[in-house]
Amino acid sequence: MKAHFTQMWQSIHGQSRHRQTESQLRKLQNQNVQLERSLKEKEREIDRLRHQLANCEARLQEMMGTDVLTGLPNRHVFKEHLTHSLKRALRLGYSLSLMIVDIDHLRDINLKYGHEVGDQVLVEVGKILMKSVREIDMPARWGGEELVAVLHETDAEGAKVVAERVRRKVSMLEIKDPKSGKPIRVTATLAVSNYPMHGNEPQDLLECASDALLVAKEKGCNKVLVAQK
């Protein structure tokens, strides 16, 4: 009988310890779930703050008039410069040209090699553009894969010469795939419009150059084209 009671007590005691262990295990599991949720919330908060910081930096750079990536004047500054430059050209009676530089297949480069390589291409093309124009001219980042420049006291033929020089230098860029080390082919298509040939308003020059750029792209890229009259 004593042995029977002892066996029952051990059984009850074992079950109690088992229930305690299960209870502790559930508590630990619940704590883990809560910690994981808290961690994910913190990670989302960090991502949100990083996004806000990036936006603030971009807005600050825009207010300063500089493109964050290339260091060139940004779109807003360029549009103001083009407007004032056209007014001056009208007043003084000299020619002025607008040049658009479109990096060919930049989106494909980003997809294939990564955005860091695409950014490197933009930076290098920006350097080429800056070195290819005079101090009186205005190179700038227009946005996306496009750069622009105002060429002062330059007719359409003179602008075409500058554009061809930029095109040729871009095609000689030595940028390599960071994984394989193989060279990546980089080219650019350029279009030129001119005052007084294509109008006397900023929008006139921008539209004419953009139309010419589309035609050049359709013809196979890596070309220079002057807008039609």
Protein backbone atom coordinates (compact mmCIF):
# COMPACT_ATOMS: atom_id res chain seq x y z
CA MET A 1 0.00 0.00 0.00
CA LYS A 2 2.82 2.32 0.94
CA ALA A 3 4.47 1.63 -2.38
CA HIS A 4 1.20 2.43 -4.13
CA PHE A 5 0.88 5.81 -2.40
CA THR A 6 4.51 6.58 -3.12
CA GLN A 7 3.95 5.81 -6.79
CA MET A 8 0.85 8.01 -6.87
CA TRP A 9 2.68 10.88 -5.16
CA GLN A 10 5.57 10.65 -7.60
CA SER A 11 3.11 10.60 -10.47
CA ILE A 12 1.23 13.66 -9.18
CA HIS A 13 4.49 15.45 -8.40
CA GLY A 14 5.83 14.60 -11.89
CA GLN A 15 2.70 15.90 -13.54
CA SER A 16 2.92 19.10 -11.50
CA ARG A 17 6.52 19.65 -12.54
CA HIS A 18 5.59 18.93 -16.16
CA ARG A 19 2.78 21.50 -15.98
CA GLN A 20 5.18 24.03 -14.46
CA THR A 21 7.70 23.39 -17.23
CA GLU A 22 5.02 23.78 -19.90
CA SER A 23 3.82 26.99 -18.24
CA GLN A 24 7.35 28.40 -18.16
CA LEU A 25 7.89 27.36 -21.76
CA ARG A 26 4.70 29.14 -22.86
CA LYS A 27 5.77 32.27 -20.98
CA LEU A 28 9.16 32.21 -22.69
CA GLN A 29 7.54 31.67 -26.07
CA ASN A 30 5.18 34.60 -25.46
CA GLN A 31 8.10 36.76 -24.38
CA ASN A 32 9.98 35.81 -27.55
CA VAL A 33 6.97 36.72 -29.70
CA GLN A 34 6.63 40.08 -27.94
CA LEU A 35 10.35 40.78 -28.30
CA GLU A 36 10.25 39.92 -32.01
CA ARG A 37 7.27 42.23 -32.53
CA SER A 38 9.02 45.00 -30.61
CA LEU A 39 12.19 44.47 -32.66
CA LYS A 40 10.27 44.67 -35.95
CA GLU A 41 8.54 47.85 -34.79
CA LYS A 42 11.92 49.37 -33.90
CA GLU A 43 13.34 48.35 -37.28
CA ARG A 44 10.38 49.96 -39.05
CA GLU A 45 10.88 53.10 -36.97
CA ILE A 46 14.59 53.18 -37.86
CA ASP A 47 13.77 52.76 -41.56
CA ARG A 48 11.21 55.56 -41.32
CA LEU A 49 13.72 57.87 -39.65
CA ARG A 50 16.36 57.03 -42.23
CA HIS A 51 13.86 57.82 -45.00
CA GLN A 52 13.02 61.15 -43.34
CA LEU A 53 16.71 61.95 -43.01
CA ALA A 54 17.34 61.18 -46.69
CA ASN A 55 14.41 63.38 -47.70
CA CYS A 56 15.65 66.21 -45.51
CA GLU A 57 19.13 65.94 -46.99
CA ALA A 58 17.70 65.95 -50.51
CA ARG A 59 15.55 69.01 -49.75
CA LEU A 60 18.53 70.75 -48.20
CA GLN A 61 20.64 70.06 -51.28
CA GLU A 62 17.81 71.29 -53.51
CA MET A 63 17.55 74.49 -51.50
CA MET A 64 21.30 74.89 -51.83
CA GLY A 65 20.87 74.40 -55.58
CA THR A 66 23.08 71.33 -55.87
CA ASP A 67 22.35 67.81 -57.07
CA VAL A 68 23.34 65.39 -54.29
CA LEU A 69 24.88 62.75 -56.55
CA THR A 70 26.82 64.65 -59.21
CA GLY A 71 27.51 67.90 -57.38
CA LEU A 72 26.19 69.80 -60.41
CA PRO A 73 23.55 72.53 -60.17
CA ASN A 74 20.09 71.00 -59.94
CA ARG A 75 17.04 71.28 -62.19
CA HIS A 76 15.54 74.26 -60.35
CA VAL A 77 18.72 76.32 -60.57
CA PHE A 78 19.18 75.37 -64.22
CA LYS A 79 15.67 76.50 -65.21
CA GLU A 80 16.22 79.86 -63.54
CA HIS A 81 19.59 80.21 -65.24
CA LEU A 82 18.13 79.35 -68.66
CA THR A 83 15.36 81.92 -68.21
CA HIS A 84 17.76 84.71 -67.23
CA SER A 85 20.25 83.71 -69.92
CA LEU A 86 17.62 83.86 -72.65
CA LYS A 87 16.52 87.31 -71.52
CA ARG A 88 20.13 88.47 -71.69
CA ALA A 89 20.63 86.90 -75.12
CA LEU A 90 17.48 88.67 -76.35
CA ARG A 91 18.66 91.98 -74.94
CA LEU A 92 22.22 91.78 -76.22
CA GLY A 93 21.44 89.92 -79.43
CA TYR A 94 23.74 86.91 -79.15
CA SER A 95 23.08 83.24 -79.83
CA LEU A 96 22.52 80.69 -77.06
CA SER A 97 22.22 76.90 -77.17
CA LEU A 98 20.73 74.22 -74.95
CA MET A 99 22.26 70.73 -74.84
CA ILE A 100 20.65 67.61 -73.36
CA VAL A 101 22.80 64.60 -72.49
CA ASP A 102 20.88 61.33 -72.08
CA ILE A 103 22.86 58.32 -70.81
CA ASP A 104 21.86 55.34 -72.94
CA HIS A 105 20.32 52.31 -71.19
CA LEU A 106 21.10 53.55 -67.67
CA ARG A 107 18.11 51.68 -66.26
CA ASP A 108 19.45 48.44 -67.74
CA ILE A 109 22.84 49.16 -66.17
CA ASN A 110 21.15 49.66 -62.80
CA LEU A 111 19.25 46.39 -63.13
CA LYS A 112 22.22 44.35 -64.32
CA TYR A 113 25.08 45.78 -62.27
CA GLY A 114 23.35 47.58 -59.38
CA HIS A 115 22.49 51.19 -58.62
CA GLU A 116 25.95 51.93 -57.26
CA VAL A 117 27.39 51.30 -60.71
CA GLY A 118 24.62 53.38 -62.28
CA ASP A 119 25.42 56.21 -59.87
CA GLN A 120 29.09 55.93 -60.79
CA VAL A 121 28.17 56.30 -64.47
CA LEU A 122 26.16 59.45 -63.71
CA VAL A 123 28.99 60.94 -61.67
CA GLU A 124 31.57 60.26 -64.39
CA VAL A 125 29.37 61.63 -67.17
CA GLY A 126 28.76 64.70 -65.01
CA LYS A 127 32.53 65.21 -64.74
CA ILE A 128 32.90 64.89 -68.50
CA LEU A 129 30.16 67.44 -69.10
CA MET A 130 31.67 69.90 -66.63
CA LYS A 131 35.13 69.62 -68.23
CA SER A 132 33.71 69.90 -71.77
CA VAL A 133 32.03 73.29 -71.34
CA ARG A 134 33.47 76.73 -70.53
CA GLU A 135 33.31 78.51 -67.19
CA ILE A 136 30.65 80.87 -68.57
CA ASP A 137 28.40 77.93 -69.46
CA MET A 138 26.03 76.13 -67.10
CA PRO A 139 26.11 72.29 -66.84
CA ALA A 140 23.44 70.76 -64.58
CA ARG A 141 21.63 67.58 -63.54
CA TRP A 142 18.18 67.57 -65.11
CA GLY A 143 17.00 64.34 -63.48
CA GLY A 144 16.97 60.59 -64.07
CA GLU A 145 19.54 59.76 -66.72
CA GLU A 146 19.63 63.28 -68.19
CA LEU A 147 22.13 66.11 -67.81
CA VAL A 148 21.86 69.51 -69.49
CA ALA A 149 23.94 72.57 -70.29
CA VAL A 150 23.38 76.15 -71.39
CA LEU A 151 26.06 77.17 -73.90
CA HIS A 152 26.40 80.94 -74.02
CA GLU A 153 27.21 82.81 -77.23
CA THR A 154 27.12 79.51 -79.09
CA ASP A 155 25.20 78.78 -82.28
CA ALA A 156 23.75 75.38 -83.22
CA GLU A 157 26.86 74.23 -85.09
CA GLY A 158 29.13 75.24 -82.23
CA ALA A 159 26.87 73.40 -79.76
CA LYS A 160 26.96 70.33 -81.99
CA VAL A 161 30.76 70.33 -81.78
CA VAL A 162 30.60 70.45 -77.97
CA ALA A 163 27.98 67.69 -77.91
CA GLU A 164 30.08 65.46 -80.15
CA ARG A 165 33.05 65.98 -77.85
CA VAL A 166 30.95 64.91 -74.85
CA ARG A 167 29.55 61.90 -76.73
CA ARG A 168 33.01 60.73 -77.70
CA LYS A 169 34.43 61.08 -74.18
CA VAL A 170 31.47 59.20 -72.66
CA SER A 171 32.03 56.31 -75.08
CA MET A 172 35.62 56.09 -73.82
CA LEU A 173 34.63 55.77 -70.16
CA GLU A 174 36.30 52.88 -68.33
CA ILE A 175 33.80 51.55 -65.83
CA LYS A 176 34.05 47.91 -64.77
CA ASP A 177 31.62 45.34 -63.44
CA PRO A 178 32.52 45.11 -59.71
CA LYS A 179 31.93 41.34 -59.74
CA SER A 180 33.64 40.18 -62.95
CA GLY A 181 35.97 43.11 -63.57
CA LYS A 182 34.81 43.25 -67.17
CA PRO A 183 34.31 46.68 -68.80
CA ILE A 184 30.79 48.08 -69.03
CA ARG A 185 29.94 49.85 -72.25
CA VAL A 186 28.61 53.35 -71.62
CA THR A 187 27.25 55.67 -74.30
CA ALA A 188 25.16 58.82 -74.42
CA THR A 189 22.77 60.42 -76.88
CA LEU A 190 22.79 64.21 -77.12
CA ALA A 191 20.44 66.78 -78.60
CA VAL A 192 20.88 70.49 -79.21
CA SER A 193 18.44 73.39 -79.61
CA ASN A 194 19.26 77.04 -80.15
CA TYR A 195 18.06 80.60 -79.75
CA PRO A 196 17.05 82.21 -82.07
CA MET A 197 16.71 79.18 -84.35
CA HIS A 198 14.20 77.25 -82.20
CA GLY A 199 12.44 79.97 -80.22
CA ASN A 200 13.04 82.57 -77.55
CA GLU A 201 11.39 80.93 -74.53
CA PRO A 202 12.92 78.30 -72.21
CA GLN A 203 10.07 75.89 -72.97
CA ASP A 204 10.69 76.27 -76.70
CA LEU A 205 14.31 75.19 -76.39
CA LEU A 206 13.52 72.39 -73.95
CA GLU A 207 10.76 70.94 -76.13
CA CYS A 208 12.80 71.16 -79.34
CA ALA A 209 15.81 69.50 -77.73
CA SER A 210 13.62 66.81 -76.15
CA ASP A 211 11.98 66.05 -79.51
CA ALA A 212 15.37 65.79 -81.18
CA LEU A 213 16.57 63.50 -78.40
CA LEU A 214 13.67 61.10 -79.00
CA VAL A 215 14.45 61.00 -82.73
CA ALA A 216 18.13 60.30 -82.00
CA LYS A 217 17.18 57.52 -79.58
CA GLU A 218 14.94 55.93 -82.20
CA LYS A 219 17.87 55.96 -84.62
CA GLY A 220 19.95 53.79 -82.31
CA CYS A 221 21.41 55.97 -79.51
CA ASN A 222 25.04 57.12 -79.15
CA LYS A 223 24.33 60.04 -81.51
CA VAL A 224 24.24 63.84 -81.61
CA LEU A 225 21.30 65.57 -83.23
CA VAL A 226 20.42 69.23 -83.71
CA ALA A 227 16.71 69.99 -83.40
CA GLN A 228 14.77 70.71 -86.57
CA LYS A 229 13.90 74.31 -87.36
